[in-house]
Amino acid sequence: MRKIETAMIGAITSKSDWTNTNTSVEYSTSENLSEIRLHGHLIAWYDHTKQSLGISSCGYETVTTKSRLNALLYETFTGNKVVQKDYVWYVQDFQGKKINFYDGQIVTKHGASSIATHPNVA
């Protein structure tokens, strides 16, 4: 894990604001939520109450975005990670099962949501 990602994780764990070059963390006391931004784009949000992680590429499926998301997944839900095959992103669990990645995906200790099972889809 990169030094910047270690510092990012530290800010989330300590529920504090932090920024360094292209990555920032903002903690909202009222929502008990940490927002993680890359180049100003909201790529993840960690709900400390629900212990859930929302992830997004914001349309930029880059090496850096994937690295930040994987650092977050490693620290919050070890075994889950974003992987890529033939330029397509997937979320893979600790058993190797892959589901399609999509912006706004929710990851919990029970695994990652799919578009069909997303909690905000009516």
PDB file of N, CA and C in Angstrom:
ATOM      1  N   MET A   1       0.847  -1.170   0.000  1.00  0.00           N
ATOM      2  CA  MET A   1       0.000   0.000   0.000  1.00  0.00           C
ATOM      3  C   MET A   1       0.898   1.240   0.000  1.00  0.00           C
ATOM      4  N   ARG A   2       0.504   2.217  -0.773  1.00  0.00           N
ATOM      5  CA  ARG A   2       1.269   3.460  -0.878  1.00  0.00           C
ATOM      6  C   ARG A   2       1.144   4.279   0.404  1.00  0.00           C
ATOM      7  N   LYS A   3       2.137   5.140   0.661  1.00  0.00           N
ATOM      8  CA  LYS A   3       2.117   5.982   1.861  1.00  0.00           C
ATOM      9  C   LYS A   3       0.869   6.858   1.904  1.00  0.00           C
ATOM     10  N   ILE A   4       0.489   7.402   0.773  1.00  0.00           N
ATOM     11  CA  ILE A   4      -0.689   8.270   0.724  1.00  0.00           C
ATOM     12  C   ILE A   4      -1.949   7.490   1.089  1.00  0.00           C
ATOM     13  N   GLU A   5      -2.015   6.229   0.701  1.00  0.00           N
ATOM     14  CA  GLU A   5      -3.174   5.402   1.019  1.00  0.00           C
ATOM     15  C   GLU A   5      -3.188   5.017   2.498  1.00  0.00           C
ATOM     16  N   THR A   6      -2.018   4.810   3.072  1.00  0.00           N
ATOM     17  CA  THR A   6      -1.928   4.534   4.506  1.00  0.00           C
ATOM     18  C   THR A   6      -2.422   5.739   5.304  1.00  0.00           C
ATOM     19  N   ALA A   7      -2.028   6.945   4.896  1.00  0.00           N
ATOM     20  CA  ALA A   7      -2.483   8.163   5.563  1.00  0.00           C
ATOM     21  C   ALA A   7      -3.989   8.348   5.371  1.00  0.00           C
ATOM     22  N   MET A   8      -4.498   8.026   4.191  1.00  0.00           N
ATOM     23  CA  MET A   8      -5.926   8.115   3.907  1.00  0.00           C
ATOM     24  C   MET A   8      -6.703   7.198   4.855  1.00  0.00           C
ATOM     25  N   ILE A   9      -6.249   5.981   5.014  1.00  0.00           N
ATOM     26  CA  ILE A   9      -6.884   5.013   5.909  1.00  0.00           C
ATOM     27  C   ILE A   9      -6.840   5.522   7.353  1.00  0.00           C
ATOM     28  N   GLY A  10      -5.711   6.111   7.736  1.00  0.00           N
ATOM     29  CA  GLY A  10      -5.579   6.660   9.082  1.00  0.00           C
ATOM     30  C   GLY A  10      -6.602   7.736   9.365  1.00  0.00           C
ATOM     31  N   ALA A  11      -6.871   8.587   8.380  1.00  0.00           N
ATOM     32  CA  ALA A  11      -7.869   9.650   8.544  1.00  0.00           C
ATOM     33  C   ALA A  11      -9.270   9.062   8.698  1.00  0.00           C
ATOM     34  N   ILE A  12      -9.570   8.029   7.953  1.00  0.00           N
ATOM     35  CA  ILE A  12     -10.884   7.388   8.051  1.00  0.00           C
ATOM     36  C   ILE A  12     -11.037   6.734   9.423  1.00  0.00           C
ATOM     37  N   THR A  13     -10.014   6.015   9.841  1.00  0.00           N
ATOM     38  CA  THR A  13     -10.036   5.326  11.132  1.00  0.00           C
ATOM     39  C   THR A  13     -10.195   6.310  12.291  1.00  0.00           C
ATOM     40  N   SER A  14      -9.504   7.447  12.203  1.00  0.00           N
ATOM     41  CA  SER A  14      -9.567   8.437  13.284  1.00  0.00           C
ATOM     42  C   SER A  14     -10.718   9.432  13.110  1.00  0.00           C
ATOM     43  N   LYS A  15     -11.511   9.251  12.067  1.00  0.00           N
ATOM     44  CA  LYS A  15     -12.657  10.126  11.781  1.00  0.00           C
ATOM     45  C   LYS A  15     -12.216  11.586  11.734  1.00  0.00           C
ATOM     46  N   SER A  16     -11.236  11.849  10.876  1.00  0.00           N
ATOM     47  CA  SER A  16     -10.716  13.215  10.771  1.00  0.00           C
ATOM     48  C   SER A  16     -10.604  13.640   9.312  1.00  0.00           C
ATOM     49  N   ASP A  17     -10.451  14.941   9.112  1.00  0.00           N
ATOM     50  CA  ASP A  17     -10.228  15.490   7.775  1.00  0.00           C
ATOM     51  C   ASP A  17      -8.745  15.384   7.454  1.00  0.00           C
ATOM     52  N   TRP A  18      -8.445  15.163   6.179  1.00  0.00           N
ATOM     53  CA  TRP A  18      -7.056  15.012   5.751  1.00  0.00           C
ATOM     54  C   TRP A  18      -6.992  15.282   4.254  1.00  0.00           C
ATOM     55  N   THR A  19      -5.901  15.854   3.818  1.00  0.00           N
ATOM     56  CA  THR A  19      -5.678  16.049   2.383  1.00  0.00           C
ATOM     57  C   THR A  19      -4.190  15.978   2.082  1.00  0.00           C
ATOM     58  N   ASN A  20      -3.863  15.447   0.925  1.00  0.00           N
ATOM     59  CA  ASN A  20      -2.486  15.358   0.456  1.00  0.00           C
ATOM     60  C   ASN A  20      -2.521  15.219  -1.063  1.00  0.00           C
ATOM     61  N   THR A  21      -1.942  16.147  -1.743  1.00  0.00           N
ATOM     62  CA  THR A  21      -1.899  16.224  -3.209  1.00  0.00           C
ATOM     63  C   THR A  21      -3.279  15.963  -3.818  1.00  0.00           C
ATOM     64  N   ASN A  22      -3.509  14.788  -4.404  1.00  0.00           N
ATOM     65  CA  ASN A  22      -4.733  14.529  -5.164  1.00  0.00           C
ATOM     66  C   ASN A  22      -5.817  13.784  -4.386  1.00  0.00           C
ATOM     67  N   THR A  23      -5.555  13.456  -3.123  1.00  0.00           N
ATOM     68  CA  THR A  23      -6.483  12.633  -2.345  1.00  0.00           C
ATOM     69  C   THR A  23      -6.884  13.365  -1.073  1.00  0.00           C
ATOM     70  N   SER A  24      -8.179  13.273  -0.716  1.00  0.00           N
ATOM     71  CA  SER A  24      -8.632  13.909   0.516  1.00  0.00           C
ATOM     72  C   SER A  24      -9.706  13.067   1.189  1.00  0.00           C
ATOM     73  N   VAL A  25      -9.824  13.274   2.509  1.00  0.00           N
ATOM     74  CA  VAL A  25     -10.860  12.636   3.314  1.00  0.00           C
ATOM     75  C   VAL A  25     -11.552  13.738   4.102  1.00  0.00           C
ATOM     76  N   GLU A  26     -12.870  13.743   4.061  1.00  0.00           N
ATOM     77  CA  GLU A  26     -13.664  14.670   4.865  1.00  0.00           C
ATOM     78  C   GLU A  26     -14.583  13.846   5.746  1.00  0.00           C
ATOM     79  N   TYR A  27     -14.563  14.154   7.040  1.00  0.00           N
ATOM     80  CA  TYR A  27     -15.429  13.444   7.978  1.00  0.00           C
ATOM     81  C   TYR A  27     -16.605  14.324   8.363  1.00  0.00           C
ATOM     82  N   SER A  28     -17.816  13.769   8.290  1.00  0.00           N
ATOM     83  CA  SER A  28     -19.039  14.467   8.697  1.00  0.00           C
ATOM     84  C   SER A  28     -19.507  13.873  10.022  1.00  0.00           C
ATOM     85  N   THR A  29     -19.426  14.687  11.080  1.00  0.00           N
ATOM     86  CA  THR A  29     -19.839  14.233  12.403  1.00  0.00           C
ATOM     87  C   THR A  29     -21.330  13.924  12.431  1.00  0.00           C
ATOM     88  N   SER A  30     -22.135  14.775  11.820  1.00  0.00           N
ATOM     89  CA  SER A  30     -23.588  14.604  11.869  1.00  0.00           C
ATOM     90  C   SER A  30     -24.046  13.323  11.173  1.00  0.00           C
ATOM     91  N   GLU A  31     -23.328  12.909  10.131  1.00  0.00           N
ATOM     92  CA  GLU A  31     -23.701  11.696   9.401  1.00  0.00           C
ATOM     93  C   GLU A  31     -22.847  10.495   9.781  1.00  0.00           C
ATOM     94  N   ASN A  32     -21.775  10.725  10.562  1.00  0.00           N
ATOM     95  CA  ASN A  32     -20.803   9.683  10.916  1.00  0.00           C
ATOM     96  C   ASN A  32     -20.303   8.991   9.637  1.00  0.00           C
ATOM     97  N   LEU A  33     -19.878   9.831   8.688  1.00  0.00           N
ATOM     98  CA  LEU A  33     -19.515   9.376   7.348  1.00  0.00           C
ATOM     99  C   LEU A  33     -18.203  10.013   6.914  1.00  0.00           C
ATOM    100  N   SER A  34     -17.321   9.209   6.347  1.00  0.00           N
ATOM    101  CA  SER A  34     -16.081   9.721   5.755  1.00  0.00           C
ATOM    102  C   SER A  34     -16.214   9.684   4.245  1.00  0.00           C
ATOM    103  N   GLU A  35     -15.936  10.813   3.585  1.00  0.00           N
ATOM    104  CA  GLU A  35     -15.963  10.888   2.126  1.00  0.00           C
ATOM    105  C   GLU A  35     -14.532  10.940   1.618  1.00  0.00           C
ATOM    106  N   ILE A  36     -14.236  10.117   0.629  1.00  0.00           N
ATOM    107  CA  ILE A  36     -12.893  10.040   0.065  1.00  0.00           C
ATOM    108  C   ILE A  36     -12.947  10.563  -1.365  1.00  0.00           C
ATOM    109  N   ARG A  37     -12.090  11.530  -1.645  1.00  0.00           N
ATOM    110  CA  ARG A  37     -12.065  12.145  -2.970  1.00  0.00           C
ATOM    111  C   ARG A  37     -10.691  11.980  -3.616  1.00  0.00           C
ATOM    112  N   LEU A  38     -10.717  11.816  -4.924  1.00  0.00           N
ATOM    113  CA  LEU A  38      -9.509  11.764  -5.746  1.00  0.00           C
ATOM    114  C   LEU A  38      -9.674  12.809  -6.836  1.00  0.00           C
ATOM    115  N   HIS A  39      -8.772  13.778  -6.867  1.00  0.00           N
ATOM    116  CA  HIS A  39      -8.869  14.908  -7.804  1.00  0.00           C
ATOM    117  C   HIS A  39     -10.230  15.596  -7.690  1.00  0.00           C
ATOM    118  N   GLY A  40     -10.763  15.652  -6.468  1.00  0.00           N
ATOM    119  CA  GLY A  40     -12.037  16.319  -6.224  1.00  0.00           C
ATOM    120  C   GLY A  40     -13.268  15.474  -6.489  1.00  0.00           C
ATOM    121  N   HIS A  41     -13.083  14.281  -7.031  1.00  0.00           N
ATOM    122  CA  HIS A  41     -14.205  13.391  -7.344  1.00  0.00           C
ATOM    123  C   HIS A  41     -14.453  12.437  -6.176  1.00  0.00           C
ATOM    124  N   LEU A  42     -15.713  12.280  -5.788  1.00  0.00           N
ATOM    125  CA  LEU A  42     -16.088  11.403  -4.686  1.00  0.00           C
ATOM    126  C   LEU A  42     -15.993   9.945  -5.147  1.00  0.00           C
ATOM    127  N   ILE A  43     -14.905   9.274  -4.780  1.00  0.00           N
ATOM    128  CA  ILE A  43     -14.698   7.886  -5.221  1.00  0.00           C
ATOM    129  C   ILE A  43     -15.153   6.866  -4.181  1.00  0.00           C
ATOM    130  N   ALA A  44     -15.352   7.311  -2.934  1.00  0.00           N
ATOM    131  CA  ALA A  44     -15.793   6.369  -1.899  1.00  0.00           C
ATOM    132  C   ALA A  44     -16.365   7.123  -0.712  1.00  0.00           C
ATOM    133  N   TRP A  45     -17.203   6.430   0.031  1.00  0.00           N
ATOM    134  CA  TRP A  45     -17.739   6.972   1.268  1.00  0.00           C
ATOM    135  C   TRP A  45     -17.901   5.808   2.229  1.00  0.00           C
ATOM    136  N   TYR A  46     -17.430   6.022   3.445  1.00  0.00           N
ATOM    137  CA  TYR A  46     -17.519   4.978   4.465  1.00  0.00           C
ATOM    138  C   TYR A  46     -18.491   5.412   5.539  1.00  0.00           C
ATOM    139  N   ASP A  47     -19.546   4.631   5.709  1.00  0.00           N
ATOM    140  CA  ASP A  47     -20.547   4.887   6.739  1.00  0.00           C
ATOM    141  C   ASP A  47     -20.094   4.145   7.992  1.00  0.00           C
ATOM    142  N   HIS A  48     -19.625   4.902   8.983  1.00  0.00           N
ATOM    143  CA  HIS A  48     -19.100   4.299  10.200  1.00  0.00           C
ATOM    144  C   HIS A  48     -20.193   3.613  11.017  1.00  0.00           C
ATOM    145  N   THR A  49     -21.427   4.088  10.915  1.00  0.00           N
ATOM    146  CA  THR A  49     -22.535   3.494  11.649  1.00  0.00           C
ATOM    147  C   THR A  49     -22.938   2.155  11.038  1.00  0.00           C
ATOM    148  N   LYS A  50     -23.173   2.141   9.739  1.00  0.00           N
ATOM    149  CA  LYS A  50     -23.603   0.922   9.043  1.00  0.00           C
ATOM    150  C   LYS A  50     -22.437   0.003   8.706  1.00  0.00           C
ATOM    151  N   GLN A  51     -21.226   0.516   8.827  1.00  0.00           N
ATOM    152  CA  GLN A  51     -20.011  -0.204   8.423  1.00  0.00           C
ATOM    153  C   GLN A  51     -20.148  -0.702   6.988  1.00  0.00           C
ATOM    154  N   SER A  52     -20.422   0.267   6.116  1.00  0.00           N
ATOM    155  CA  SER A  52     -20.541  -0.028   4.693  1.00  0.00           C
ATOM    156  C   SER A  52     -19.677   0.956   3.912  1.00  0.00           C
ATOM    157  N   LEU A  53     -19.201   0.508   2.773  1.00  0.00           N
ATOM    158  CA  LEU A  53     -18.335   1.315   1.917  1.00  0.00           C
ATOM    159  C   LEU A  53     -18.981   1.443   0.547  1.00  0.00           C
ATOM    160  N   GLY A  54     -19.226   2.668   0.134  1.00  0.00           N
ATOM    161  CA  GLY A  54     -19.703   2.926  -1.219  1.00  0.00           C
ATOM    162  C   GLY A  54     -18.500   3.234  -2.088  1.00  0.00           C
ATOM    163  N   ILE A  55     -18.470   2.687  -3.291  1.00  0.00           N
ATOM    164  CA  ILE A  55     -17.322   2.896  -4.178  1.00  0.00           C
ATOM    165  C   ILE A  55     -17.769   3.367  -5.550  1.00  0.00           C
ATOM    166  N   SER A  56     -16.917   4.182  -6.177  1.00  0.00           N
ATOM    167  CA  SER A  56     -17.230   4.727  -7.492  1.00  0.00           C
ATOM    168  C   SER A  56     -15.931   5.078  -8.210  1.00  0.00           C
ATOM    169  N   SER A  57     -15.932   4.918  -9.504  1.00  0.00           N
ATOM    170  CA  SER A  57     -14.791   5.359 -10.314  1.00  0.00           C
ATOM    171  C   SER A  57     -15.004   6.784 -10.802  1.00  0.00           C
ATOM    172  N   CYS A  58     -16.225   7.284 -10.660  1.00  0.00           N
ATOM    173  CA  CYS A  58     -16.617   8.594 -11.194  1.00  0.00           C
ATOM    174  C   CYS A  58     -16.333   8.679 -12.691  1.00  0.00           C
ATOM    175  N   GLY A  59     -16.356   7.534 -13.343  1.00  0.00           N
ATOM    176  CA  GLY A  59     -16.106   7.489 -14.774  1.00  0.00           C
ATOM    177  C   GLY A  59     -14.632   7.437 -15.150  1.00  0.00           C
ATOM    178  N   TYR A  60     -13.740   7.405 -14.152  1.00  0.00           N
ATOM    179  CA  TYR A  60     -12.296   7.371 -14.406  1.00  0.00           C
ATOM    180  C   TYR A  60     -11.735   6.046 -13.918  1.00  0.00           C
ATOM    181  N   GLU A  61     -11.827   5.029 -14.729  1.00  0.00           N
ATOM    182  CA  GLU A  61     -11.315   3.715 -14.343  1.00  0.00           C
ATOM    183  C   GLU A  61      -9.810   3.675 -14.585  1.00  0.00           C
ATOM    184  N   THR A  62      -9.079   4.349 -13.704  1.00  0.00           N
ATOM    185  CA  THR A  62      -7.628   4.478 -13.821  1.00  0.00           C
ATOM    186  C   THR A  62      -6.923   3.592 -12.801  1.00  0.00           C
ATOM    187  N   VAL A  63      -5.637   3.439 -12.985  1.00  0.00           N
ATOM    188  CA  VAL A  63      -4.811   2.676 -12.058  1.00  0.00           C
ATOM    189  C   VAL A  63      -4.866   3.310 -10.666  1.00  0.00           C
ATOM    190  N   THR A  64      -4.810   4.635 -10.601  1.00  0.00           N
ATOM    191  CA  THR A  64      -4.819   5.325  -9.309  1.00  0.00           C
ATOM    192  C   THR A  64      -6.161   5.164  -8.612  1.00  0.00           C
ATOM    193  N   THR A  65      -7.259   5.306  -9.332  1.00  0.00           N
ATOM    194  CA  THR A  65      -8.584   5.121  -8.734  1.00  0.00           C
ATOM    195  C   THR A  65      -8.706   3.711  -8.182  1.00  0.00           C
ATOM    196  N   LYS A  66      -8.319   2.738  -8.970  1.00  0.00           N
ATOM    197  CA  LYS A  66      -8.403   1.340  -8.530  1.00  0.00           C
ATOM    198  C   LYS A  66      -7.515   1.092  -7.317  1.00  0.00           C
ATOM    199  N   SER A  67      -6.349   1.690  -7.279  1.00  0.00           N
ATOM    200  CA  SER A  67      -5.443   1.534  -6.146  1.00  0.00           C
ATOM    201  C   SER A  67      -6.052   2.098  -4.867  1.00  0.00           C
ATOM    202  N   ARG A  68      -6.654   3.294  -4.948  1.00  0.00           N
ATOM    203  CA  ARG A  68      -7.288   3.896  -3.766  1.00  0.00           C
ATOM    204  C   ARG A  68      -8.457   3.032  -3.287  1.00  0.00           C
ATOM    205  N   LEU A  69      -9.284   2.574  -4.217  1.00  0.00           N
ATOM    206  CA  LEU A  69     -10.420   1.727  -3.849  1.00  0.00           C
ATOM    207  C   LEU A  69      -9.955   0.418  -3.234  1.00  0.00           C
ATOM    208  N   ASN A  70      -8.907  -0.179  -3.786  1.00  0.00           N
ATOM    209  CA  ASN A  70      -8.411  -1.433  -3.231  1.00  0.00           C
ATOM    210  C   ASN A  70      -7.807  -1.245  -1.850  1.00  0.00           C
ATOM    211  N   ALA A  71      -7.163  -0.123  -1.600  1.00  0.00           N
ATOM    212  CA  ALA A  71      -6.643   0.159  -0.262  1.00  0.00           C
ATOM    213  C   ALA A  71      -7.804   0.241   0.731  1.00  0.00           C
ATOM    214  N   LEU A  72      -8.877   0.918   0.336  1.00  0.00           N
ATOM    215  CA  LEU A  72     -10.054   1.031   1.190  1.00  0.00           C
ATOM    216  C   LEU A  72     -10.699  -0.329   1.427  1.00  0.00           C
ATOM    217  N   LEU A  73     -10.851  -1.106   0.381  1.00  0.00           N
ATOM    218  CA  LEU A  73     -11.454  -2.431   0.513  1.00  0.00           C
ATOM    219  C   LEU A  73     -10.601  -3.347   1.388  1.00  0.00           C
ATOM    220  N   TYR A  74      -9.288  -3.267   1.245  1.00  0.00           N
ATOM    221  CA  TYR A  74      -8.395  -4.103   2.046  1.00  0.00           C
ATOM    222  C   TYR A  74      -8.556  -3.797   3.527  1.00  0.00           C
ATOM    223  N   GLU A  75      -8.654  -2.515   3.860  1.00  0.00           N
ATOM    224  CA  GLU A  75      -8.753  -2.113   5.264  1.00  0.00           C
ATOM    225  C   GLU A  75     -10.141  -2.324   5.853  1.00  0.00           C
ATOM    226  N   THR A  76     -11.177  -2.194   5.050  1.00  0.00           N
ATOM    227  CA  THR A  76     -12.533  -2.301   5.587  1.00  0.00           C
ATOM    228  C   THR A  76     -13.111  -3.711   5.451  1.00  0.00           C
ATOM    229  N   PHE A  77     -12.924  -4.324   4.311  1.00  0.00           N
ATOM    230  CA  PHE A  77     -13.490  -5.647   4.051  1.00  0.00           C
ATOM    231  C   PHE A  77     -12.456  -6.510   3.331  1.00  0.00           C
ATOM    232  N   THR A  78     -11.420  -6.910   4.084  1.00  0.00           N
ATOM    233  CA  THR A  78     -10.312  -7.683   3.530  1.00  0.00           C
ATOM    234  C   THR A  78     -10.845  -8.864   2.738  1.00  0.00           C
ATOM    235  N   GLY A  79     -10.271  -9.063   1.574  1.00  0.00           N
ATOM    236  CA  GLY A  79     -10.675 -10.156   0.695  1.00  0.00           C
ATOM    237  C   GLY A  79     -11.444  -9.655  -0.508  1.00  0.00           C
ATOM    238  N   ASN A  80     -12.068  -8.494  -0.378  1.00  0.00           N
ATOM    239  CA  ASN A  80     -12.740  -7.881  -1.517  1.00  0.00           C
ATOM    240  C   ASN A  80     -11.754  -6.970  -2.222  1.00  0.00           C
ATOM    241  N   LYS A  81     -11.805  -6.940  -3.542  1.00  0.00           N
ATOM    242  CA  LYS A  81     -10.933  -6.048  -4.297  1.00  0.00           C
ATOM    243  C   LYS A  81     -11.508  -5.799  -5.680  1.00  0.00           C
ATOM    244  N   VAL A  82     -11.061  -4.684  -6.251  1.00  0.00           N
ATOM    245  CA  VAL A  82     -11.434  -4.357  -7.621  1.00  0.00           C
ATOM    246  C   VAL A  82     -10.384  -4.979  -8.527  1.00  0.00           C
ATOM    247  N   VAL A  83     -10.837  -5.764  -9.476  1.00  0.00           N
ATOM    248  CA  VAL A  83      -9.941  -6.394 -10.447  1.00  0.00           C
ATOM    249  C   VAL A  83     -10.398  -6.006 -11.851  1.00  0.00           C
ATOM    250  N   GLN A  84      -9.518  -6.240 -12.794  1.00  0.00           N
ATOM    251  CA  GLN A  84      -9.819  -5.852 -14.169  1.00  0.00           C
ATOM    252  C   GLN A  84      -9.451  -6.982 -15.108  1.00  0.00           C
ATOM    253  N   LYS A  85     -10.319  -7.237 -16.073  1.00  0.00           N
ATOM    254  CA  LYS A  85     -10.033  -8.218 -17.118  1.00  0.00           C
ATOM    255  C   LYS A  85     -10.572  -7.668 -18.425  1.00  0.00           C
ATOM    256  N   ASP A  86      -9.718  -7.598 -19.419  1.00  0.00           N
ATOM    257  CA  ASP A  86     -10.097  -7.068 -20.736  1.00  0.00           C
ATOM    258  C   ASP A  86     -10.750  -5.694 -20.615  1.00  0.00           C
ATOM    259  N   TYR A  87     -10.147  -4.834 -19.799  1.00  0.00           N
ATOM    260  CA  TYR A  87     -10.577  -3.451 -19.599  1.00  0.00           C
ATOM    261  C   TYR A  87     -11.912  -3.307 -18.867  1.00  0.00           C
ATOM    262  N   VAL A  88     -12.430  -4.380 -18.304  1.00  0.00           N
ATOM    263  CA  VAL A  88     -13.691  -4.346 -17.564  1.00  0.00           C
ATOM    264  C   VAL A  88     -13.387  -4.551 -16.089  1.00  0.00           C
ATOM    265  N   TRP A  89     -13.966  -3.691 -15.228  1.00  0.00           N
ATOM    266  CA  TRP A  89     -13.763  -3.788 -13.786  1.00  0.00           C
ATOM    267  C   TRP A  89     -14.796  -4.715 -13.152  1.00  0.00           C
ATOM    268  N   TYR A  90     -14.337  -5.445 -12.125  1.00  0.00           N
ATOM    269  CA  TYR A  90     -15.174  -6.328 -11.327  1.00  0.00           C
ATOM    270  C   TYR A  90     -14.820  -6.129  -9.856  1.00  0.00           C
ATOM    271  N   VAL A  91     -15.730  -6.480  -8.970  1.00  0.00           N
ATOM    272  CA  VAL A  91     -15.413  -6.592  -7.547  1.00  0.00           C
ATOM    273  C   VAL A  91     -15.347  -8.083  -7.266  1.00  0.00           C
ATOM    274  N   GLN A  92     -14.207  -8.490  -6.723  1.00  0.00           N
ATOM    275  CA  GLN A  92     -13.964  -9.904  -6.441  1.00  0.00           C
ATOM    276  C   GLN A  92     -13.935 -10.108  -4.936  1.00  0.00           C
ATOM    277  N   ASP A  93     -14.607 -11.171  -4.455  1.00  0.00           N
ATOM    278  CA  ASP A  93     -14.587 -11.454  -3.024  1.00  0.00           C
ATOM    279  C   ASP A  93     -13.436 -12.415  -2.693  1.00  0.00           C
ATOM    280  N   PHE A  94     -13.309 -12.761  -1.415  1.00  0.00           N
ATOM    281  CA  PHE A  94     -12.186 -13.582  -0.960  1.00  0.00           C
ATOM    282  C   PHE A  94     -12.222 -14.996  -1.524  1.00  0.00           C
ATOM    283  N   GLN A  95     -13.361 -15.427  -2.060  1.00  0.00           N
ATOM    284  CA  GLN A  95     -13.466 -16.746  -2.668  1.00  0.00           C
ATOM    285  C   GLN A  95     -13.197 -16.704  -4.169  1.00  0.00           C
ATOM    286  N   GLY A  96     -12.939 -15.517  -4.704  1.00  0.00           N
ATOM    287  CA  GLY A  96     -12.660 -15.375  -6.130  1.00  0.00           C
ATOM    288  C   GLY A  96     -13.883 -15.113  -6.990  1.00  0.00           C
ATOM    289  N   LYS A  97     -15.049 -15.030  -6.362  1.00  0.00           N
ATOM    290  CA  LYS A  97     -16.284 -14.751  -7.105  1.00  0.00           C
ATOM    291  C   LYS A  97     -16.275 -13.292  -7.535  1.00  0.00           C
ATOM    292  N   LYS A  98     -16.559 -13.042  -8.811  1.00  0.00           N
ATOM    293  CA  LYS A  98     -16.555 -11.686  -9.365  1.00  0.00           C
ATOM    294  C   LYS A  98     -17.969 -11.255  -9.727  1.00  0.00           C
ATOM    295  N   ILE A  99     -18.252  -9.985  -9.439  1.00  0.00           N
ATOM    296  CA  ILE A  99     -19.482  -9.377  -9.927  1.00  0.00           C
ATOM    297  C   ILE A  99     -19.101  -8.070 -10.613  1.00  0.00           C
ATOM    298  N   ASN A 100     -19.923  -7.635 -11.527  1.00  0.00           N
ATOM    299  CA  ASN A 100     -19.631  -6.405 -12.266  1.00  0.00           C
ATOM    300  C   ASN A 100     -19.520  -5.216 -11.325  1.00  0.00           C
ATOM    301  N   PHE A 101     -18.498  -4.404 -11.534  1.00  0.00           N
ATOM    302  CA  PHE A 101     -18.326  -3.155 -10.810  1.00  0.00           C
ATOM    303  C   PHE A 101     -19.264  -2.121 -11.405  1.00  0.00           C
ATOM    304  N   TYR A 102     -19.839  -1.275 -10.560  1.00  0.00           N
ATOM    305  CA  TYR A 102     -20.608  -0.132 -11.047  1.00  0.00           C
ATOM    306  C   TYR A 102     -20.439   1.011 -10.053  1.00  0.00           C
ATOM    307  N   ASP A 103     -20.548   2.227 -10.547  1.00  0.00           N
ATOM    308  CA  ASP A 103     -20.428   3.403  -9.691  1.00  0.00           C
ATOM    309  C   ASP A 103     -21.587   3.445  -8.705  1.00  0.00           C
ATOM    310  N   GLY A 104     -21.261   3.603  -7.422  1.00  0.00           N
ATOM    311  CA  GLY A 104     -22.266   3.619  -6.372  1.00  0.00           C
ATOM    312  C   GLY A 104     -22.449   2.271  -5.702  1.00  0.00           C
ATOM    313  N   GLN A 105     -21.617   1.318  -6.053  1.00  0.00           N
ATOM    314  CA  GLN A 105     -21.700  -0.024  -5.477  1.00  0.00           C
ATOM    315  C   GLN A 105     -21.443   0.038  -3.969  1.00  0.00           C
ATOM    316  N   ILE A 106     -22.158  -0.774  -3.204  1.00  0.00           N
ATOM    317  CA  ILE A 106     -22.026  -0.817  -1.756  1.00  0.00           C
ATOM    318  C   ILE A 106     -21.376  -2.142  -1.357  1.00  0.00           C
ATOM    319  N   VAL A 107     -20.350  -2.043  -0.498  1.00  0.00           N
ATOM    320  CA  VAL A 107     -19.663  -3.235  -0.008  1.00  0.00           C
ATOM    321  C   VAL A 107     -19.825  -3.279   1.509  1.00  0.00           C
ATOM    322  N   THR A 108     -20.196  -4.447   2.017  1.00  0.00           N
ATOM    323  CA  THR A 108     -20.319  -4.679   3.453  1.00  0.00           C
ATOM    324  C   THR A 108     -19.609  -5.986   3.786  1.00  0.00           C
ATOM    325  N   LYS A 109     -19.692  -6.390   5.047  1.00  0.00           N
ATOM    326  CA  LYS A 109     -19.082  -7.660   5.441  1.00  0.00           C
ATOM    327  C   LYS A 109     -19.759  -8.835   4.739  1.00  0.00           C
ATOM    328  N   HIS A 110     -20.942  -8.610   4.186  1.00  0.00           N
ATOM    329  CA  HIS A 110     -21.675  -9.667   3.479  1.00  0.00           C
ATOM    330  C   HIS A 110     -21.344  -9.717   1.990  1.00  0.00           C
ATOM    331  N   GLY A 111     -20.502  -8.801   1.518  1.00  0.00           N
ATOM    332  CA  GLY A 111     -20.116  -8.775   0.110  1.00  0.00           C
ATOM    333  C   GLY A 111     -20.547  -7.486  -0.571  1.00  0.00           C
ATOM    334  N   ALA A 112     -20.428  -7.485  -1.885  1.00  0.00           N
ATOM    335  CA  ALA A 112     -20.732  -6.302  -2.690  1.00  0.00           C
ATOM    336  C   ALA A 112     -22.117  -6.433  -3.305  1.00  0.00           C
ATOM    337  N   SER A 113     -22.800  -5.288  -3.404  1.00  0.00           N
ATOM    338  CA  SER A 113     -24.115  -5.280  -4.033  1.00  0.00           C
ATOM    339  C   SER A 113     -23.940  -5.401  -5.550  1.00  0.00           C
ATOM    340  N   SER A 114     -24.965  -5.929  -6.168  1.00  0.00           N
ATOM    341  CA  SER A 114     -25.015  -5.920  -7.629  1.00  0.00           C
ATOM    342  C   SER A 114     -26.066  -4.885  -8.006  1.00  0.00           C
ATOM    343  N   ILE A 115     -26.151  -4.568  -9.263  1.00  0.00           N
ATOM    344  CA  ILE A 115     -27.170  -3.613  -9.695  1.00  0.00           C
ATOM    345  C   ILE A 115     -28.556  -4.106  -9.266  1.00  0.00           C
ATOM    346  N   ALA A 116     -28.804  -5.406  -9.361  1.00  0.00           N
ATOM    347  CA  ALA A 116     -30.116  -5.969  -9.006  1.00  0.00           C
ATOM    348  C   ALA A 116     -30.383  -5.915  -7.506  1.00  0.00           C
ATOM    349  N   THR A 117     -29.340  -5.998  -6.673  1.00  0.00           N
ATOM    350  CA  THR A 117     -29.523  -6.035  -5.229  1.00  0.00           C
ATOM    351  C   THR A 117     -29.129  -4.759  -4.527  1.00  0.00           C
ATOM    352  N   HIS A 118     -28.849  -3.696  -5.286  1.00  0.00           N
ATOM    353  CA  HIS A 118     -28.420  -2.434  -4.686  1.00  0.00           C
ATOM    354  C   HIS A 118     -29.497  -1.934  -3.739  1.00  0.00           C
ATOM    355  N   PRO A 119     -29.114  -1.494  -2.529  1.00  0.00           N
ATOM    356  CA  PRO A 119     -30.111  -1.106  -1.530  1.00  0.00           C
ATOM    357  C   PRO A 119     -30.976   0.098  -1.910  1.00  0.00           C
ATOM    358  N   ASN A 120     -30.550   0.926  -2.862  1.00  0.00           N
ATOM    359  CA  ASN A 120     -31.336   2.105  -3.225  1.00  0.00           C
ATOM    360  C   ASN A 120     -32.164   1.911  -4.490  1.00  0.00           C
ATOM    361  N   VAL A 121     -32.177   0.713  -5.034  1.00  0.00           N
ATOM    362  CA  VAL A 121     -32.964   0.448  -6.249  1.00  0.00           C
ATOM    363  C   VAL A 121     -34.350  -0.011  -5.820  1.00  0.00           C
ATOM    364  N   ALA A 122     -35.358   0.648  -6.341  1.00  0.00           N
ATOM    365  CA  ALA A 122     -36.747   0.300  -5.958  1.00  0.00           C
ATOM    366  C   ALA A 122     -37.300  -0.810  -6.811  1.00  0.00           C
TER     367      ALA A 122
END
